Amino acid sequence: MTINILAFGIAKDIINGSTLGLEIQNGTTVGDLKMELIAQFPDFEKLRSLVIAVNEEYQEDGFILSEKDEIVIIPPVSGG
């Protein structure tokens, strides 16, 4: 199945755009997605944290993704 991912901040720079279509298997979890993102975009591994929101809610690594989910990569936030 294909999922669409939205990216903001440094995540947008890493994937070189604000959206990414990614082919995943049924049963893919948020943790699996993080590993796949790091495999395709090694710069994600350099981030202190990488949070995934699904349908406007932060999700743990065990959450199973579905094709209709709205997935957002939330990079670390720095303030001043």
PDB file of N, CA and C in Angstrom:
ATOM      1  N   MET A   1       0.843  -1.183   0.000  1.00  0.00           N
ATOM      2  CA  MET A   1       0.000   0.000   0.000  1.00  0.00           C
ATOM      3  C   MET A   1       0.881   1.237   0.000  1.00  0.00           C
ATOM      4  N   THR A   2       0.330   2.324  -0.464  1.00  0.00           N
ATOM      5  CA  THR A   2       1.068   3.583  -0.511  1.00  0.00           C
ATOM      6  C   THR A   2       0.530   4.525   0.559  1.00  0.00           C
ATOM      7  N   ILE A   3       1.455   5.118   1.315  1.00  0.00           N
ATOM      8  CA  ILE A   3       1.070   6.139   2.290  1.00  0.00           C
ATOM      9  C   ILE A   3       1.667   7.470   1.851  1.00  0.00           C
ATOM     10  N   ASN A   4       1.019   8.532   2.246  1.00  0.00           N
ATOM     11  CA  ASN A   4       1.511   9.881   1.970  1.00  0.00           C
ATOM     12  C   ASN A   4       1.931  10.503   3.282  1.00  0.00           C
ATOM     13  N   ILE A   5       3.122  11.065   3.275  1.00  0.00           N
ATOM     14  CA  ILE A   5       3.713  11.629   4.481  1.00  0.00           C
ATOM     15  C   ILE A   5       3.930  13.119   4.273  1.00  0.00           C
ATOM     16  N   LEU A   6       3.573  13.911   5.274  1.00  0.00           N
ATOM     17  CA  LEU A   6       3.832  15.349   5.271  1.00  0.00           C
ATOM     18  C   LEU A   6       5.050  15.613   6.139  1.00  0.00           C
ATOM     19  N   ALA A   7       5.884  16.546   5.733  1.00  0.00           N
ATOM     20  CA  ALA A   7       7.096  16.864   6.491  1.00  0.00           C
ATOM     21  C   ALA A   7       7.197  18.362   6.719  1.00  0.00           C
ATOM     22  N   PHE A   8       7.744  18.713   7.881  1.00  0.00           N
ATOM     23  CA  PHE A   8       7.933  20.109   8.246  1.00  0.00           C
ATOM     24  C   PHE A   8       9.357  20.306   8.751  1.00  0.00           C
ATOM     25  N   GLY A   9       9.791  21.561   8.791  1.00  0.00           N
ATOM     26  CA  GLY A   9      11.093  21.908   9.349  1.00  0.00           C
ATOM     27  C   GLY A   9      12.226  21.166   8.672  1.00  0.00           C
ATOM     28  N   ILE A  10      13.158  20.663   9.488  1.00  0.00           N
ATOM     29  CA  ILE A  10      14.330  19.975   8.969  1.00  0.00           C
ATOM     30  C   ILE A  10      13.943  18.697   8.228  1.00  0.00           C
ATOM     31  N   ALA A  11      12.839  18.069   8.620  1.00  0.00           N
ATOM     32  CA  ALA A  11      12.384  16.856   7.925  1.00  0.00           C
ATOM     33  C   ALA A  11      12.065  17.165   6.464  1.00  0.00           C
ATOM     34  N   LYS A  12      11.489  18.329   6.220  1.00  0.00           N
ATOM     35  CA  LYS A  12      11.193  18.775   4.856  1.00  0.00           C
ATOM     36  C   LYS A  12      12.475  18.925   4.052  1.00  0.00           C
ATOM     37  N   ASP A  13      13.513  19.459   4.687  1.00  0.00           N
ATOM     38  CA  ASP A  13      14.807  19.608   4.018  1.00  0.00           C
ATOM     39  C   ASP A  13      15.427  18.245   3.718  1.00  0.00           C
ATOM     40  N   ILE A  14      15.311  17.317   4.657  1.00  0.00           N
ATOM     41  CA  ILE A  14      15.915  15.994   4.487  1.00  0.00           C
ATOM     42  C   ILE A  14      15.294  15.244   3.320  1.00  0.00           C
ATOM     43  N   ILE A  15      13.955  15.301   3.187  1.00  0.00           N
ATOM     44  CA  ILE A  15      13.313  14.565   2.081  1.00  0.00           C
ATOM     45  C   ILE A  15      13.232  15.403   0.809  1.00  0.00           C
ATOM     46  N   ASN A  16      13.717  16.651   0.908  1.00  0.00           N
ATOM     47  CA  ASN A  16      13.734  17.557  -0.242  1.00  0.00           C
ATOM     48  C   ASN A  16      12.331  17.845  -0.783  1.00  0.00           C
ATOM     49  N   GLY A  17      11.412  18.113   0.131  1.00  0.00           N
ATOM     50  CA  GLY A  17      10.046  18.448  -0.248  1.00  0.00           C
ATOM     51  C   GLY A  17       9.130  18.359   0.952  1.00  0.00           C
ATOM     52  N   SER A  18       7.890  18.776   0.782  1.00  0.00           N
ATOM     53  CA  SER A  18       6.958  18.758   1.905  1.00  0.00           C
ATOM     54  C   SER A  18       6.112  17.491   1.959  1.00  0.00           C
ATOM     55  N   THR A  19       6.129  16.684   0.895  1.00  0.00           N
ATOM     56  CA  THR A  19       5.369  15.436   0.897  1.00  0.00           C
ATOM     57  C   THR A  19       6.218  14.306   0.338  1.00  0.00           C
ATOM     58  N   LEU A  20       5.881  13.108   0.773  1.00  0.00           N
ATOM     59  CA  LEU A  20       6.582  11.914   0.319  1.00  0.00           C
ATOM     60  C   LEU A  20       5.587  10.772   0.221  1.00  0.00           C
ATOM     61  N   GLY A  21       5.527  10.131  -0.913  1.00  0.00           N
ATOM     62  CA  GLY A  21       4.741   8.919  -1.073  1.00  0.00           C
ATOM     63  C   GLY A  21       5.660   7.734  -0.834  1.00  0.00           C
ATOM     64  N   LEU A  22       5.216   6.787  -0.022  1.00  0.00           N
ATOM     65  CA  LEU A  22       6.068   5.662   0.340  1.00  0.00           C
ATOM     66  C   LEU A  22       5.260   4.375   0.279  1.00  0.00           C
ATOM     67  N   GLU A  23       5.820   3.378  -0.360  1.00  0.00           N
ATOM     68  CA  GLU A  23       5.182   2.070  -0.453  1.00  0.00           C
ATOM     69  C   GLU A  23       5.562   1.258   0.786  1.00  0.00           C
ATOM     70  N   ILE A  24       4.545   0.777   1.523  1.00  0.00           N
ATOM     71  CA  ILE A  24       4.795  -0.038   2.716  1.00  0.00           C
ATOM     72  C   ILE A  24       3.915  -1.285   2.664  1.00  0.00           C
ATOM     73  N   GLN A  25       4.246  -2.249   3.495  1.00  0.00           N
ATOM     74  CA  GLN A  25       3.471  -3.480   3.599  1.00  0.00           C
ATOM     75  C   GLN A  25       2.342  -3.306   4.607  1.00  0.00           C
ATOM     76  N   ASN A  26       1.268  -4.074   4.452  1.00  0.00           N
ATOM     77  CA  ASN A  26       0.224  -4.108   5.481  1.00  0.00           C
ATOM     78  C   ASN A  26       0.858  -4.532   6.796  1.00  0.00           C
ATOM     79  N   GLY A  27       0.436  -3.913   7.877  1.00  0.00           N
ATOM     80  CA  GLY A  27       0.980  -4.237   9.191  1.00  0.00           C
ATOM     81  C   GLY A  27       2.203  -3.431   9.578  1.00  0.00           C
ATOM     82  N   THR A  28       2.617  -2.491   8.720  1.00  0.00           N
ATOM     83  CA  THR A  28       3.763  -1.640   9.035  1.00  0.00           C
ATOM     84  C   THR A  28       3.435  -0.756  10.231  1.00  0.00           C
ATOM     85  N   THR A  29       4.368  -0.682  11.169  1.00  0.00           N
ATOM     86  CA  THR A  29       4.172   0.144  12.358  1.00  0.00           C
ATOM     87  C   THR A  29       4.910   1.474  12.216  1.00  0.00           C
ATOM     88  N   VAL A  30       4.637   2.378  13.134  1.00  0.00           N
ATOM     89  CA  VAL A  30       5.348   3.653  13.163  1.00  0.00           C
ATOM     90  C   VAL A  30       6.851   3.403  13.320  1.00  0.00           C
ATOM     91  N   GLY A  31       7.229   2.449  14.156  1.00  0.00           N
ATOM     92  CA  GLY A  31       8.643   2.111  14.324  1.00  0.00           C
ATOM     93  C   GLY A  31       9.270   1.616  13.024  1.00  0.00           C
ATOM     94  N   ASP A  32       8.518   0.772  12.296  1.00  0.00           N
ATOM     95  CA  ASP A  32       9.001   0.306  10.993  1.00  0.00           C
ATOM     96  C   ASP A  32       9.191   1.482  10.045  1.00  0.00           C
ATOM     97  N   LEU A  33       8.240   2.412  10.067  1.00  0.00           N
ATOM     98  CA  LEU A  33       8.315   3.589   9.202  1.00  0.00           C
ATOM     99  C   LEU A  33       9.559   4.411   9.525  1.00  0.00           C
ATOM    100  N   LYS A  34       9.841   4.611  10.800  1.00  0.00           N
ATOM    101  CA  LYS A  34      11.042   5.362  11.186  1.00  0.00           C
ATOM    102  C   LYS A  34      12.294   4.692  10.644  1.00  0.00           C
ATOM    103  N   MET A  35      12.374   3.363  10.764  1.00  0.00           N
ATOM    104  CA  MET A  35      13.546   2.647  10.254  1.00  0.00           C
ATOM    105  C   MET A  35      13.660   2.781   8.736  1.00  0.00           C
ATOM    106  N   GLU A  36      12.525   2.741   8.041  1.00  0.00           N
ATOM    107  CA  GLU A  36      12.533   2.886   6.582  1.00  0.00           C
ATOM    108  C   GLU A  36      12.959   4.296   6.183  1.00  0.00           C
ATOM    109  N   LEU A  37      12.471   5.301   6.908  1.00  0.00           N
ATOM    110  CA  LEU A  37      12.876   6.679   6.621  1.00  0.00           C
ATOM    111  C   LEU A  37      14.382   6.855   6.817  1.00  0.00           C
ATOM    112  N   ILE A  38      14.930   6.256   7.880  1.00  0.00           N
ATOM    113  CA  ILE A  38      16.372   6.350   8.119  1.00  0.00           C
ATOM    114  C   ILE A  38      17.140   5.624   7.025  1.00  0.00           C
ATOM    115  N   ALA A  39      16.620   4.480   6.568  1.00  0.00           N
ATOM    116  CA  ALA A  39      17.286   3.732   5.501  1.00  0.00           C
ATOM    117  C   ALA A  39      17.340   4.535   4.204  1.00  0.00           C
ATOM    118  N   GLN A  40      16.236   5.217   3.885  1.00  0.00           N
ATOM    119  CA  GLN A  40      16.174   5.988   2.643  1.00  0.00           C
ATOM    120  C   GLN A  40      16.803   7.365   2.770  1.00  0.00           C
ATOM    121  N   PHE A  41      16.765   7.924   3.969  1.00  0.00           N
ATOM    122  CA  PHE A  41      17.271   9.275   4.217  1.00  0.00           C
ATOM    123  C   PHE A  41      18.131   9.232   5.491  1.00  0.00           C
ATOM    124  N   PRO A  42      19.394   8.835   5.386  1.00  0.00           N
ATOM    125  CA  PRO A  42      20.253   8.647   6.563  1.00  0.00           C
ATOM    126  C   PRO A  42      20.360   9.869   7.484  1.00  0.00           C
ATOM    127  N   ASP A  43      20.103  11.062   6.969  1.00  0.00           N
ATOM    128  CA  ASP A  43      20.179  12.252   7.827  1.00  0.00           C
ATOM    129  C   ASP A  43      19.158  12.221   8.964  1.00  0.00           C
ATOM    130  N   PHE A  44      18.086  11.436   8.834  1.00  0.00           N
ATOM    131  CA  PHE A  44      17.124  11.330   9.937  1.00  0.00           C
ATOM    132  C   PHE A  44      17.775  10.737  11.181  1.00  0.00           C
ATOM    133  N   GLU A  45      18.771   9.901  11.000  1.00  0.00           N
ATOM    134  CA  GLU A  45      19.437   9.268  12.139  1.00  0.00           C
ATOM    135  C   GLU A  45      20.186  10.293  12.994  1.00  0.00           C
ATOM    136  N   LYS A  46      20.543  11.426  12.415  1.00  0.00           N
ATOM    137  CA  LYS A  46      21.285  12.460  13.128  1.00  0.00           C
ATOM    138  C   LYS A  46      20.399  13.291  14.060  1.00  0.00           C
ATOM    139  N   LEU A  47      19.081  13.198  13.904  1.00  0.00           N
ATOM    140  CA  LEU A  47      18.173  14.001  14.718  1.00  0.00           C
ATOM    141  C   LEU A  47      18.066  13.429  16.130  1.00  0.00           C
ATOM    142  N   ARG A  48      17.918  14.311  17.119  1.00  0.00           N
ATOM    143  CA  ARG A  48      17.760  13.883  18.508  1.00  0.00           C
ATOM    144  C   ARG A  48      16.511  13.045  18.694  1.00  0.00           C
ATOM    145  N   SER A  49      15.459  13.440  18.016  1.00  0.00           N
ATOM    146  CA  SER A  49      14.203  12.707  18.126  1.00  0.00           C
ATOM    147  C   SER A  49      13.440  12.860  16.815  1.00  0.00           C
ATOM    148  N   LEU A  50      12.600  11.912  16.572  1.00  0.00           N
ATOM    149  CA  LEU A  50      11.756  11.950  15.391  1.00  0.00           C
ATOM    150  C   LEU A  50      10.397  11.411  15.807  1.00  0.00           C
ATOM    151  N   VAL A  51       9.407  12.288  15.785  1.00  0.00           N
ATOM    152  CA  VAL A  51       8.070  11.912  16.230  1.00  0.00           C
ATOM    153  C   VAL A  51       7.172  11.802  15.012  1.00  0.00           C
ATOM    154  N   ILE A  52       6.297  10.820  15.039  1.00  0.00           N
ATOM    155  CA  ILE A  52       5.336  10.625  13.962  1.00  0.00           C
ATOM    156  C   ILE A  52       3.939  10.859  14.519  1.00  0.00           C
ATOM    157  N   ALA A  53       3.191  11.713  13.843  1.00  0.00           N
ATOM    158  CA  ALA A  53       1.785  11.915  14.184  1.00  0.00           C
ATOM    159  C   ALA A  53       0.945  11.236  13.103  1.00  0.00           C
ATOM    160  N   VAL A  54      -0.095  10.550  13.545  1.00  0.00           N
ATOM    161  CA  VAL A  54      -1.012   9.885  12.633  1.00  0.00           C
ATOM    162  C   VAL A  54      -2.413  10.400  12.945  1.00  0.00           C
ATOM    163  N   ASN A  55      -3.044  10.961  11.926  1.00  0.00           N
ATOM    164  CA  ASN A  55      -4.387  11.528  12.091  1.00  0.00           C
ATOM    165  C   ASN A  55      -4.438  12.516  13.257  1.00  0.00           C
ATOM    166  N   GLU A  56      -3.434  13.393  13.289  1.00  0.00           N
ATOM    167  CA  GLU A  56      -3.332  14.504  14.236  1.00  0.00           C
ATOM    168  C   GLU A  56      -3.077  14.076  15.678  1.00  0.00           C
ATOM    169  N   GLU A  57      -2.580  12.844  15.884  1.00  0.00           N
ATOM    170  CA  GLU A  57      -2.235  12.387  17.230  1.00  0.00           C
ATOM    171  C   GLU A  57      -0.842  11.757  17.197  1.00  0.00           C
ATOM    172  N   TYR A  58      -0.011  12.121  18.190  1.00  0.00           N
ATOM    173  CA  TYR A  58       1.292  11.484  18.305  1.00  0.00           C
ATOM    174  C   TYR A  58       1.092   9.994  18.512  1.00  0.00           C
ATOM    175  N   GLN A  59       1.943   9.180  17.863  1.00  0.00           N
ATOM    176  CA  GLN A  59       1.795   7.735  18.000  1.00  0.00           C
ATOM    177  C   GLN A  59       3.104   7.092  18.429  1.00  0.00           C
ATOM    178  N   GLU A  60       2.978   6.020  19.194  1.00  0.00           N
ATOM    179  CA  GLU A  60       4.116   5.226  19.636  1.00  0.00           C
ATOM    180  C   GLU A  60       4.573   4.318  18.503  1.00  0.00           C
ATOM    181  N   ASP A  61       5.755   3.741  18.645  1.00  0.00           N
ATOM    182  CA  ASP A  61       6.343   2.914  17.600  1.00  0.00           C
ATOM    183  C   ASP A  61       5.499   1.695  17.233  1.00  0.00           C
ATOM    184  N   GLY A  62       4.680   1.179  18.136  1.00  0.00           N
ATOM    185  CA  GLY A  62       3.888  -0.015  17.868  1.00  0.00           C
ATOM    186  C   GLY A  62       2.599   0.226  17.102  1.00  0.00           C
ATOM    187  N   PHE A  63       2.245   1.476  16.855  1.00  0.00           N
ATOM    188  CA  PHE A  63       0.990   1.803  16.165  1.00  0.00           C
ATOM    189  C   PHE A  63       1.060   1.320  14.716  1.00  0.00           C
ATOM    190  N   ILE A  64       0.020   0.611  14.268  1.00  0.00           N
ATOM    191  CA  ILE A  64      -0.015   0.072  12.909  1.00  0.00           C
ATOM    192  C   ILE A  64      -0.649   1.094  11.961  1.00  0.00           C
ATOM    193  N   LEU A  65       0.046   1.343  10.849  1.00  0.00           N
ATOM    194  CA  LEU A  65      -0.402   2.334   9.865  1.00  0.00           C
ATOM    195  C   LEU A  65      -1.374   1.724   8.865  1.00  0.00           C
ATOM    196  N   SER A  66      -2.269   2.574   8.346  1.00  0.00           N
ATOM    197  CA  SER A  66      -3.154   2.151   7.261  1.00  0.00           C
ATOM    198  C   SER A  66      -3.074   3.178   6.137  1.00  0.00           C
ATOM    199  N   GLU A  67      -3.526   2.782   4.972  1.00  0.00           N
ATOM    200  CA  GLU A  67      -3.355   3.594   3.767  1.00  0.00           C
ATOM    201  C   GLU A  67      -4.022   4.957   3.843  1.00  0.00           C
ATOM    202  N   LYS A  68      -5.098   5.080   4.566  1.00  0.00           N
ATOM    203  CA  LYS A  68      -5.832   6.345   4.604  1.00  0.00           C
ATOM    204  C   LYS A  68      -5.371   7.282   5.717  1.00  0.00           C
ATOM    205  N   ASP A  69      -4.377   6.868   6.490  1.00  0.00           N
ATOM    206  CA  ASP A  69      -3.885   7.703   7.578  1.00  0.00           C
ATOM    207  C   ASP A  69      -3.199   8.959   7.050  1.00  0.00           C
ATOM    208  N   GLU A  70      -3.354  10.048   7.792  1.00  0.00           N
ATOM    209  CA  GLU A  70      -2.573  11.258   7.532  1.00  0.00           C
ATOM    210  C   GLU A  70      -1.346  11.181   8.423  1.00  0.00           C
ATOM    211  N   ILE A  71      -0.180  11.081   7.823  1.00  0.00           N
ATOM    212  CA  ILE A  71       1.062  10.866   8.554  1.00  0.00           C
ATOM    213  C   ILE A  71       1.934  12.107   8.452  1.00  0.00           C
ATOM    214  N   VAL A  72       2.421  12.573   9.598  1.00  0.00           N
ATOM    215  CA  VAL A  72       3.244  13.779   9.624  1.00  0.00           C
ATOM    216  C   VAL A  72       4.532  13.468  10.397  1.00  0.00           C
ATOM    217  N   ILE A  73       5.660  13.859   9.792  1.00  0.00           N
ATOM    218  CA  ILE A  73       6.955  13.754  10.471  1.00  0.00           C
ATOM    219  C   ILE A  73       7.159  15.039  11.253  1.00  0.00           C
ATOM    220  N   ILE A  74       7.384  14.890  12.549  1.00  0.00           N
ATOM    221  CA  ILE A  74       7.591  16.055  13.405  1.00  0.00           C
ATOM    222  C   ILE A  74       9.035  16.013  13.912  1.00  0.00           C
ATOM    223  N   PRO A  75       9.891  16.876  13.352  1.00  0.00           N
ATOM    224  CA  PRO A  75      11.287  16.887  13.772  1.00  0.00           C
ATOM    225  C   PRO A  75      11.429  17.580  15.126  1.00  0.00           C
ATOM    226  N   PRO A  76      12.614  17.473  15.728  1.00  0.00           N
ATOM    227  CA  PRO A  76      12.853  18.185  16.980  1.00  0.00           C
ATOM    228  C   PRO A  76      12.620  19.682  16.792  1.00  0.00           C
ATOM    229  N   VAL A  77      12.127  20.313  17.827  1.00  0.00           N
ATOM    230  CA  VAL A  77      11.853  21.743  17.767  1.00  0.00           C
ATOM    231  C   VAL A  77      12.840  22.451  18.691  1.00  0.00           C
ATOM    232  N   SER A  78      13.410  23.520  18.176  1.00  0.00           N
ATOM    233  CA  SER A  78      14.288  24.328  19.030  1.00  0.00           C
ATOM    234  C   SER A  78      13.666  25.701  19.164  1.00  0.00           C
ATOM    235  N   GLY A  79      13.884  26.295  20.273  1.00  0.00           N
ATOM    236  CA  GLY A  79      13.280  27.605  20.497  1.00  0.00           C
ATOM    237  C   GLY A  79      14.306  28.589  21.017  1.00  0.00           C
ATOM    238  N   GLY A  80      13.835  29.791  21.167  1.00  0.00           N
ATOM    239  CA  GLY A  80      14.777  30.787  21.650  1.00  0.00           C
ATOM    240  C   GLY A  80      14.064  31.898  22.317  1.00  0.00           C
TER     241      GLY A  80
END
